[in-house]
Amino acid sequence: KILVQFDLVGIPPAPRGVPQIDVTFDIDANGIVNVSAKDKGTGKEQQIRIQASGGLSDADIDQMVKDAEAHADEDKKRRALIEAKNHGEALVHSTEKTLADYGDKVAEADKSAIEAAVAELKTAIEGEDVADIEAKTNALAQASMKLGEAMYQAGQAEGDGDGEATGAETSGTNDDVVDADFEEVSDDDQQKSA
């Protein structure tokens, strides 16, 4: 039974995983449900208050509780499947993006292995086997470590190149250093000499 539906509108388009939305459900002692959703990026918020219009009888409530208990194992399995699929899809997305950016820095054999692991995980995600999805996700994570190493090495190479140029510039400017002696003169000393 659907109590109410509301949409959080006005969120600008963003890449997957970027929008952060806080959803709060608050049930008070009178059975009134307050639901709010707030986008952290834009600060836009949508709220709704749900009050019992006709309410449910005790028999209806008992039946719903029994149904929930009867389907608890099924719900846990479904949740595990959804979480595995979401984790796999997120890994596929980030790996494909990283491969597009740094694929030329990886050996061709490693790149082919990563692409094959991505394809296998995509196929597994279309199925319903949690163990297969998790195994393929782990395989892709292992294969994509080569990509991480390539990114790190590319970053090191760029950092080394910048460091050498900076070092050469600073050593050239140190030749103009002049040592000087100074004497501190207080205001009292200046008045005496004047």
C-alpha atoms as a PDB file:
ATOM      1  CA  LYS A   1       0.000   0.000   0.000  1.00  0.00           C
ATOM      2  CA  ILE A   2       1.492   3.334  -1.091  1.00  0.00           C
ATOM      3  CA  LEU A   3       0.966   6.111   1.432  1.00  0.00           C
ATOM      4  CA  VAL A   4       2.189   8.994  -0.715  1.00  0.00           C
ATOM      5  CA  GLN A   5       4.637   9.860  -3.468  1.00  0.00           C
ATOM      6  CA  PHE A   6       6.675  13.019  -3.887  1.00  0.00           C
ATOM      7  CA  ASP A   7       9.523  14.060  -6.157  1.00  0.00           C
ATOM      8  CA  LEU A   8      12.638  16.055  -5.337  1.00  0.00           C
ATOM      9  CA  VAL A   9      12.895  18.334  -8.368  1.00  0.00           C
ATOM     10  CA  GLY A  10      15.401  20.970  -9.410  1.00  0.00           C
ATOM     11  CA  ILE A  11      18.540  18.876  -8.966  1.00  0.00           C
ATOM     12  CA  PRO A  12      21.007  19.767 -11.737  1.00  0.00           C
ATOM     13  CA  PRO A  13      22.318  16.918 -13.903  1.00  0.00           C
ATOM     14  CA  ALA A  14      25.487  15.376 -12.476  1.00  0.00           C
ATOM     15  CA  PRO A  15      27.616  12.261 -12.973  1.00  0.00           C
ATOM     16  CA  ARG A  16      26.656   9.113 -11.139  1.00  0.00           C
ATOM     17  CA  GLY A  17      27.496   9.188  -7.453  1.00  0.00           C
ATOM     18  CA  VAL A  18      27.960  12.962  -7.251  1.00  0.00           C
ATOM     19  CA  PRO A  19      24.547  14.125  -5.930  1.00  0.00           C
ATOM     20  CA  GLN A  20      24.197  13.608  -2.190  1.00  0.00           C
ATOM     21  CA  ILE A  21      20.678  13.569  -0.834  1.00  0.00           C
ATOM     22  CA  ASP A  22      19.690  13.274   2.823  1.00  0.00           C
ATOM     23  CA  VAL A  23      16.324  11.591   3.337  1.00  0.00           C
ATOM     24  CA  THR A  24      14.742  11.731   6.788  1.00  0.00           C
ATOM     25  CA  PHE A  25      11.725   9.788   8.032  1.00  0.00           C
ATOM     26  CA  ASP A  26      10.261  10.962  11.340  1.00  0.00           C
ATOM     27  CA  ILE A  27       7.302   9.190  12.953  1.00  0.00           C
ATOM     28  CA  ASP A  28       5.793  10.922  15.958  1.00  0.00           C
ATOM     29  CA  ALA A  29       3.723   9.428  18.799  1.00  0.00           C
ATOM     30  CA  ASN A  30       0.470  10.116  16.940  1.00  0.00           C
ATOM     31  CA  GLY A  31       1.533   8.050  13.924  1.00  0.00           C
ATOM     32  CA  ILE A  32       2.177  11.090  11.740  1.00  0.00           C
ATOM     33  CA  VAL A  33       5.063  10.568   9.333  1.00  0.00           C
ATOM     34  CA  ASN A  34       7.197  13.521   8.265  1.00  0.00           C
ATOM     35  CA  VAL A  35       9.446  12.831   5.290  1.00  0.00           C
ATOM     36  CA  SER A  36      12.041  15.275   4.004  1.00  0.00           C
ATOM     37  CA  ALA A  37      14.649  15.022   1.264  1.00  0.00           C
ATOM     38  CA  LYS A  38      17.435  17.585   0.886  1.00  0.00           C
ATOM     39  CA  ASP A  39      20.060  17.855  -1.844  1.00  0.00           C
ATOM     40  CA  LYS A  40      23.351  18.780  -0.136  1.00  0.00           C
ATOM     41  CA  GLY A  41      24.745  20.424  -3.264  1.00  0.00           C
ATOM     42  CA  THR A  42      21.917  22.841  -4.048  1.00  0.00           C
ATOM     43  CA  GLY A  43      20.272  23.000  -0.633  1.00  0.00           C
ATOM     44  CA  LYS A  44      16.877  22.301  -2.223  1.00  0.00           C
ATOM     45  CA  GLU A  45      14.513  20.494   0.110  1.00  0.00           C
ATOM     46  CA  GLN A  46      11.148  18.804  -0.288  1.00  0.00           C
ATOM     47  CA  GLN A  47       8.955  17.845   2.669  1.00  0.00           C
ATOM     48  CA  ILE A  48       5.693  16.034   3.093  1.00  0.00           C
ATOM     49  CA  ARG A  49       3.540  15.118   6.067  1.00  0.00           C
ATOM     50  CA  ILE A  50       1.569  11.897   6.030  1.00  0.00           C
ATOM     51  CA  GLN A  51      -1.400  11.578   8.363  1.00  0.00           C
ATOM     52  CA  ALA A  52      -3.624   8.554   8.705  1.00  0.00           C
ATOM     53  CA  SER A  53      -6.632   9.166   6.475  1.00  0.00           C
ATOM     54  CA  GLY A  54      -8.652   6.119   7.432  1.00  0.00           C
ATOM     55  CA  GLY A  55      -6.063   4.133   9.255  1.00  0.00           C
ATOM     56  CA  LEU A  56      -5.590   0.417   9.279  1.00  0.00           C
ATOM     57  CA  SER A  57      -7.453  -2.005  11.452  1.00  0.00           C
ATOM     58  CA  ASP A  58      -5.531  -4.123  13.941  1.00  0.00           C
ATOM     59  CA  ALA A  59      -6.165  -7.160  11.735  1.00  0.00           C
ATOM     60  CA  ASP A  60      -4.650  -5.372   8.725  1.00  0.00           C
ATOM     61  CA  ILE A  61      -1.593  -4.381  10.759  1.00  0.00           C
ATOM     62  CA  ASP A  62      -1.137  -7.929  12.082  1.00  0.00           C
ATOM     63  CA  GLN A  63      -1.418  -9.327   8.552  1.00  0.00           C
ATOM     64  CA  MET A  64       1.190  -6.869   7.248  1.00  0.00           C
ATOM     65  CA  VAL A  65       3.583  -7.783  10.074  1.00  0.00           C
ATOM     66  CA  LYS A  66       3.129 -11.504   9.336  1.00  0.00           C
ATOM     67  CA  ASP A  67       3.725 -10.899   5.626  1.00  0.00           C
ATOM     68  CA  ALA A  68       6.883  -8.945   6.412  1.00  0.00           C
ATOM     69  CA  GLU A  69       8.185 -11.719   8.672  1.00  0.00           C
ATOM     70  CA  ALA A  70       7.336 -14.394   6.094  1.00  0.00           C
ATOM     71  CA  HIS A  71       9.245 -12.567   3.374  1.00  0.00           C
ATOM     72  CA  ALA A  72      12.205 -11.436   5.534  1.00  0.00           C
ATOM     73  CA  ASP A  73      14.646 -13.990   4.063  1.00  0.00           C
ATOM     74  CA  GLU A  74      13.514 -13.193   0.543  1.00  0.00           C
ATOM     75  CA  ASP A  75      13.950  -9.475   1.255  1.00  0.00           C
ATOM     76  CA  LYS A  76      17.491 -10.043   2.589  1.00  0.00           C
ATOM     77  CA  LYS A  77      18.428 -11.981  -0.553  1.00  0.00           C
ATOM     78  CA  ARG A  78      16.947  -9.272  -2.756  1.00  0.00           C
ATOM     79  CA  ARG A  79      18.833  -6.585  -0.829  1.00  0.00           C
ATOM     80  CA  ALA A  80      22.115  -8.505  -1.177  1.00  0.00           C
ATOM     81  CA  LEU A  81      21.509  -8.812  -4.933  1.00  0.00           C
ATOM     82  CA  ILE A  82      20.748  -5.109  -5.326  1.00  0.00           C
ATOM     83  CA  GLU A  83      23.794  -4.087  -3.268  1.00  0.00           C
ATOM     84  CA  ALA A  84      26.041  -6.421  -5.289  1.00  0.00           C
ATOM     85  CA  LYS A  85      24.667  -5.023  -8.559  1.00  0.00           C
ATOM     86  CA  ASN A  86      25.086  -1.418  -7.379  1.00  0.00           C
ATOM     87  CA  HIS A  87      28.661  -2.056  -6.255  1.00  0.00           C
ATOM     88  CA  GLY A  88      29.451  -3.795  -9.549  1.00  0.00           C
ATOM     89  CA  GLU A  89      27.890  -1.025 -11.642  1.00  0.00           C
ATOM     90  CA  ALA A  90      29.815   1.634  -9.711  1.00  0.00           C
ATOM     91  CA  LEU A  91      33.082  -0.251 -10.269  1.00  0.00           C
ATOM     92  CA  VAL A  92      32.334  -0.680 -13.984  1.00  0.00           C
ATOM     93  CA  HIS A  93      31.557   3.037 -14.308  1.00  0.00           C
ATOM     94  CA  SER A  94      34.690   4.209 -12.499  1.00  0.00           C
ATOM     95  CA  THR A  95      36.914   1.681 -14.292  1.00  0.00           C
ATOM     96  CA  GLU A  96      35.612   2.682 -17.725  1.00  0.00           C
ATOM     97  CA  LYS A  97      36.137   6.360 -16.908  1.00  0.00           C
ATOM     98  CA  THR A  98      39.662   5.746 -15.616  1.00  0.00           C
ATOM     99  CA  LEU A  99      40.450   3.505 -18.584  1.00  0.00           C
ATOM    100  CA  ALA A 100      39.366   6.283 -20.951  1.00  0.00           C
ATOM    101  CA  ASP A 101      41.643   8.769 -19.153  1.00  0.00           C
ATOM    102  CA  TYR A 102      44.700   6.583 -18.491  1.00  0.00           C
ATOM    103  CA  GLY A 103      44.284   3.603 -20.837  1.00  0.00           C
ATOM    104  CA  ASP A 104      47.257   4.677 -22.950  1.00  0.00           C
ATOM    105  CA  LYS A 105      49.536   4.409 -19.891  1.00  0.00           C
ATOM    106  CA  VAL A 106      48.754   0.685 -19.365  1.00  0.00           C
ATOM    107  CA  ALA A 107      50.297  -2.239 -21.224  1.00  0.00           C
ATOM    108  CA  GLU A 108      48.039  -3.555 -23.994  1.00  0.00           C
ATOM    109  CA  ALA A 109      47.738  -6.980 -22.313  1.00  0.00           C
ATOM    110  CA  ASP A 110      46.623  -5.369 -19.039  1.00  0.00           C
ATOM    111  CA  LYS A 111      44.180  -3.106 -20.878  1.00  0.00           C
ATOM    112  CA  SER A 112      42.664  -6.120 -22.657  1.00  0.00           C
ATOM    113  CA  ALA A 113      42.358  -7.993 -19.346  1.00  0.00           C
ATOM    114  CA  ILE A 114      40.594  -5.017 -17.747  1.00  0.00           C
ATOM    115  CA  GLU A 115      38.203  -4.639 -20.690  1.00  0.00           C
ATOM    116  CA  ALA A 116      37.423  -8.384 -20.556  1.00  0.00           C
ATOM    117  CA  ALA A 117      36.762  -8.179 -16.798  1.00  0.00           C
ATOM    118  CA  VAL A 118      34.442  -5.203 -17.375  1.00  0.00           C
ATOM    119  CA  ALA A 119      32.500  -7.144 -20.026  1.00  0.00           C
ATOM    120  CA  GLU A 120      32.215 -10.210 -17.760  1.00  0.00           C
ATOM    121  CA  LEU A 121      30.957  -8.102 -14.847  1.00  0.00           C
ATOM    122  CA  LYS A 122      28.389  -6.358 -17.061  1.00  0.00           C
ATOM    123  CA  THR A 123      27.094  -9.781 -18.128  1.00  0.00           C
ATOM    124  CA  ALA A 124      26.978 -10.984 -14.509  1.00  0.00           C
ATOM    125  CA  ILE A 125      25.059  -7.862 -13.429  1.00  0.00           C
ATOM    126  CA  GLU A 126      22.308  -8.710 -15.911  1.00  0.00           C
ATOM    127  CA  GLY A 127      21.794 -12.016 -14.064  1.00  0.00           C
ATOM    128  CA  GLU A 128      20.501 -12.756 -10.580  1.00  0.00           C
ATOM    129  CA  ASP A 129      23.474 -14.693  -9.100  1.00  0.00           C
ATOM    130  CA  VAL A 130      24.926 -12.701  -6.183  1.00  0.00           C
ATOM    131  CA  ALA A 131      28.004 -14.934  -5.836  1.00  0.00           C
ATOM    132  CA  ASP A 132      28.811 -14.578  -9.555  1.00  0.00           C
ATOM    133  CA  ILE A 133      28.421 -10.792  -9.434  1.00  0.00           C
ATOM    134  CA  GLU A 134      30.658 -10.551  -6.354  1.00  0.00           C
ATOM    135  CA  ALA A 135      33.285 -12.841  -7.918  1.00  0.00           C
ATOM    136  CA  LYS A 136      33.340 -10.814 -11.155  1.00  0.00           C
ATOM    137  CA  THR A 137      33.476  -7.569  -9.143  1.00  0.00           C
ATOM    138  CA  ASN A 138      36.518  -8.852  -7.243  1.00  0.00           C
ATOM    139  CA  ALA A 139      38.124  -9.995 -10.515  1.00  0.00           C
ATOM    140  CA  LEU A 140      37.645  -6.525 -12.032  1.00  0.00           C
ATOM    141  CA  ALA A 141      39.006  -4.875  -8.884  1.00  0.00           C
ATOM    142  CA  GLN A 142      42.136  -7.044  -9.137  1.00  0.00           C
ATOM    143  CA  ALA A 143      42.538  -6.378 -12.868  1.00  0.00           C
ATOM    144  CA  SER A 144      42.048  -2.634 -12.457  1.00  0.00           C
ATOM    145  CA  MET A 145      44.888  -2.422  -9.927  1.00  0.00           C
ATOM    146  CA  LYS A 146      47.239  -2.279 -12.930  1.00  0.00           C
ATOM    147  CA  LEU A 147      45.331   0.809 -14.009  1.00  0.00           C
ATOM    148  CA  GLY A 148      45.845   2.360 -10.578  1.00  0.00           C
ATOM    149  CA  GLU A 149      49.569   1.639 -10.778  1.00  0.00           C
ATOM    150  CA  ALA A 150      49.730   3.318 -14.193  1.00  0.00           C
ATOM    151  CA  MET A 151      47.893   6.382 -12.856  1.00  0.00           C
ATOM    152  CA  TYR A 152      50.292   6.592  -9.916  1.00  0.00           C
ATOM    153  CA  GLN A 153      53.357   6.256 -12.131  1.00  0.00           C
ATOM    154  CA  ALA A 154      52.005   8.893 -14.526  1.00  0.00           C
ATOM    155  CA  GLY A 155      51.464  11.234 -11.583  1.00  0.00           C
ATOM    156  CA  GLN A 156      54.982  10.552 -10.309  1.00  0.00           C
ATOM    157  CA  ALA A 157      56.496  11.266 -13.736  1.00  0.00           C
ATOM    158  CA  GLU A 158      54.651  14.587 -13.955  1.00  0.00           C
ATOM    159  CA  GLY A 159      55.672  15.452 -10.382  1.00  0.00           C
ATOM    160  CA  ASP A 160      59.337  14.625 -11.082  1.00  0.00           C
ATOM    161  CA  GLY A 161      59.358  16.776 -14.226  1.00  0.00           C
ATOM    162  CA  ASP A 162      57.896  19.732 -12.358  1.00  0.00           C
ATOM    163  CA  GLY A 163      60.314  19.251  -9.455  1.00  0.00           C
ATOM    164  CA  GLU A 164      63.399  19.318 -11.689  1.00  0.00           C
ATOM    165  CA  ALA A 165      62.320  22.502 -13.430  1.00  0.00           C
ATOM    166  CA  THR A 166      61.580  24.191 -10.127  1.00  0.00           C
ATOM    167  CA  GLY A 167      64.928  23.105  -8.674  1.00  0.00           C
ATOM    168  CA  ALA A 168      66.829  24.546 -11.650  1.00  0.00           C
ATOM    169  CA  GLU A 169      65.059  27.875 -11.323  1.00  0.00           C
ATOM    170  CA  THR A 170      65.693  28.216  -7.612  1.00  0.00           C
ATOM    171  CA  SER A 171      69.380  27.320  -7.869  1.00  0.00           C
ATOM    172  CA  GLY A 172      69.844  30.082 -10.479  1.00  0.00           C
ATOM    173  CA  THR A 173      68.305  32.727  -8.241  1.00  0.00           C
ATOM    174  CA  ASN A 174      70.453  31.823  -5.218  1.00  0.00           C
ATOM    175  CA  ASP A 175      73.539  33.338  -6.935  1.00  0.00           C
ATOM    176  CA  ASP A 176      72.275  36.875  -6.211  1.00  0.00           C
ATOM    177  CA  VAL A 177      72.327  36.480  -2.417  1.00  0.00           C
ATOM    178  CA  VAL A 178      74.120  39.328  -0.622  1.00  0.00           C
ATOM    179  CA  ASP A 179      75.231  39.125   3.001  1.00  0.00           C
ATOM    180  CA  ALA A 180      74.863  42.338   4.959  1.00  0.00           C
ATOM    181  CA  ASP A 181      75.695  43.533   8.456  1.00  0.00           C
ATOM    182  CA  PHE A 182      73.315  45.796  10.255  1.00  0.00           C
ATOM    183  CA  GLU A 183      73.205  47.762  13.456  1.00  0.00           C
ATOM    184  CA  GLU A 184      70.033  48.414  15.401  1.00  0.00           C
ATOM    185  CA  VAL A 185      69.569  52.036  16.386  1.00  0.00           C
ATOM    186  CA  SER A 186      66.941  52.956  18.940  1.00  0.00           C
ATOM    187  CA  ASP A 187      65.085  56.297  19.002  1.00  0.00           C
ATOM    188  CA  ASP A 188      67.058  57.396  22.086  1.00  0.00           C
ATOM    189  CA  ASP A 189      70.380  56.860  20.251  1.00  0.00           C
ATOM    190  CA  GLN A 190      69.175  58.940  17.302  1.00  0.00           C
ATOM    191  CA  GLN A 191      68.218  61.871  19.547  1.00  0.00           C
ATOM    192  CA  LYS A 192      71.615  61.835  21.340  1.00  0.00           C
ATOM    193  CA  SER A 193      73.543  61.951  18.079  1.00  0.00           C
ATOM    194  CA  ALA A 194      71.428  64.803  16.739  1.00  0.00           C
END
